[in-house]
N, C-alpha and C. Protein backbone atom coordinates (compact mmCIF):
# COMPACT_ATOMS: atom_id res chain seq x y z
N UNK A 1 133.51 93.26 40.97
CA UNK A 1 133.19 94.24 39.94
C UNK A 1 134.74 94.24 38.83
N UNK A 2 133.88 93.97 38.08
CA UNK A 2 134.66 93.33 36.86
C UNK A 2 134.83 95.04 35.55
N UNK A 3 135.53 95.75 35.80
CA UNK A 3 136.61 96.87 34.42
C UNK A 3 136.32 96.45 33.68
N UNK A 4 135.12 97.09 32.17
CA UNK A 4 135.55 96.32 30.85
C UNK A 4 135.80 97.90 29.99
N UNK A 5 136.62 97.65 29.05
CA UNK A 5 136.87 98.86 28.46
C UNK A 5 135.88 98.55 27.13
N UNK A 6 135.04 99.89 26.72
CA UNK A 6 134.55 99.81 25.53
C UNK A 6 134.55 100.59 24.35
N UNK A 7 134.65 100.01 23.26
CA UNK A 7 134.66 101.05 21.94
C UNK A 7 133.35 101.55 21.59
N UNK A 8 133.16 102.42 21.54
CA UNK A 8 131.94 102.92 21.04
C UNK A 8 131.81 104.30 19.85
N UNK A 9 131.33 104.07 18.93
CA UNK A 9 131.50 105.18 17.50
C UNK A 9 131.00 106.46 18.41
N UNK A 10 131.16 106.96 17.58
CA UNK A 10 131.10 109.30 18.19
C UNK A 10 129.56 109.15 18.04
N UNK A 11 128.96 108.40 17.65
CA UNK A 11 127.00 108.56 17.67
C UNK A 11 126.59 107.96 18.61
N UNK A 12 127.20 106.74 19.48
CA UNK A 12 126.69 105.87 20.48
C UNK A 12 126.87 106.95 22.05
N UNK A 13 128.88 107.02 21.46
CA UNK A 13 128.93 108.03 22.27
C UNK A 13 128.14 109.25 23.04
N UNK A 14 128.18 110.15 21.69
CA UNK A 14 127.10 110.82 21.66
C UNK A 14 125.75 111.18 22.59
N UNK A 15 124.64 109.71 22.05
CA UNK A 15 123.74 109.01 22.46
C UNK A 15 123.58 109.34 23.88
N UNK A 16 124.76 108.16 24.42
CA UNK A 16 125.09 107.93 25.71
C UNK A 16 125.15 109.46 26.51
N UNK A 17 125.71 110.54 26.26
CA UNK A 17 125.95 111.23 26.84
C UNK A 17 124.74 112.37 27.08
N UNK A 18 123.97 112.34 25.74
CA UNK A 18 123.18 113.09 25.81
C UNK A 18 121.96 112.42 27.14
N UNK A 19 121.88 111.05 27.05
CA UNK A 19 120.79 110.83 28.29
C UNK A 19 121.52 111.04 29.26
N UNK A 20 122.84 110.89 29.74
CA UNK A 20 123.48 111.27 31.26
C UNK A 20 122.78 112.72 31.34
N UNK A 21 122.63 113.22 30.19
CA UNK A 21 123.00 115.22 30.49
C UNK A 21 121.51 114.86 30.22
N UNK A 22 120.66 114.67 30.25
CA UNK A 22 118.91 114.58 30.15
C UNK A 22 118.24 114.19 31.71
N UNK A 23 119.49 113.48 32.33
CA UNK A 23 118.99 113.37 33.92
C UNK A 23 118.55 111.40 33.79
N UNK A 24 118.95 110.83 32.55
CA UNK A 24 118.25 109.21 32.10
C UNK A 24 119.23 108.60 33.54
N UNK A 25 120.82 108.78 33.40
CA UNK A 25 121.80 107.55 33.75
C UNK A 25 122.46 109.44 34.87
N UNK A 26 123.12 108.39 35.41
CA UNK A 26 123.82 109.18 36.18
C UNK A 26 125.04 109.10 35.51
N UNK A 27 126.05 108.48 34.87
CA UNK A 27 126.44 108.45 33.67
C UNK A 27 126.72 107.00 32.71
N UNK A 28 127.79 107.22 31.79
CA UNK A 28 127.40 106.50 31.05
C UNK A 28 127.21 104.87 31.16
N UNK A 29 128.24 104.30 32.27
CA UNK A 29 128.59 103.27 33.10
C UNK A 29 127.03 103.03 32.92
N UNK A 30 126.31 103.99 34.09
CA UNK A 30 125.22 103.36 34.31
C UNK A 30 124.06 102.93 33.58
N UNK A 31 124.41 103.72 32.48
CA UNK A 31 123.44 103.09 30.79
C UNK A 31 123.77 102.38 30.23
N UNK A 32 124.90 101.92 29.68
CA UNK A 32 125.49 100.53 29.57
C UNK A 32 125.24 99.36 30.67
N UNK A 33 125.18 99.68 31.64
CA UNK A 33 124.97 99.00 32.64
C UNK A 33 122.98 98.28 32.78
N UNK A 34 122.67 99.26 32.74
CA UNK A 34 121.08 99.46 32.60
C UNK A 34 120.79 98.69 30.96
N UNK A 35 121.79 98.64 29.95
CA UNK A 35 121.38 98.26 28.66
C UNK A 35 122.07 96.56 28.70
N UNK A 36 122.85 96.49 29.85
CA UNK A 36 122.71 94.44 30.02
C UNK A 36 122.08 94.16 30.40
N UNK A 37 121.61 94.65 31.46
CA UNK A 37 120.52 94.30 32.47
C UNK A 37 118.31 93.98 31.42
N UNK A 38 119.00 94.78 31.09
CA UNK A 38 117.87 94.42 30.08
C UNK A 38 118.47 93.30 28.82
N UNK A 39 119.37 93.10 28.44
CA UNK A 39 119.64 91.82 27.51
C UNK A 39 119.73 90.96 28.37
N UNK A 40 119.86 90.71 29.72
CA UNK A 40 120.14 90.05 30.39
C UNK A 40 118.25 89.18 30.77
N UNK A 41 117.52 90.53 30.78
CA UNK A 41 116.21 89.92 31.65
C UNK A 41 115.27 89.59 30.06
N UNK A 42 115.77 89.91 29.00
CA UNK A 42 114.78 88.94 27.32
C UNK A 42 115.46 87.59 27.79
N UNK A 43 116.73 87.62 27.54
CA UNK A 43 117.55 86.46 27.58
C UNK A 43 116.81 85.38 29.04
N UNK A 44 116.63 85.65 30.04
CA UNK A 44 115.75 85.25 31.20
C UNK A 44 113.93 84.77 30.28
N UNK A 45 114.13 85.25 29.38
CA UNK A 45 112.64 85.55 28.91
C UNK A 45 112.17 84.63 28.18
N UNK A 46 113.66 84.71 27.28
CA UNK A 46 113.44 83.34 26.62
C UNK A 46 113.72 82.05 26.97
N UNK A 47 114.16 81.93 27.97
CA UNK A 47 114.64 80.59 28.61
C UNK A 47 112.66 80.11 29.35
N UNK A 48 112.40 80.87 29.66
CA UNK A 48 110.93 80.38 29.89
C UNK A 48 109.75 79.73 29.01
N UNK A 49 109.93 80.07 27.50
CA UNK A 49 109.19 79.47 26.75
C UNK A 49 109.41 78.05 26.51
């Protein structure tokens, strides 16, 4: 697994922290990975069309 640094605005960080606080994700990293997986799934669907 590779480590990647990500620059977030204060608004983005606050949003991700809220998702973690609400228990939707265990960490900001997990929330970001979920977003990446969603984008990957969308790209796979586009390639099938």
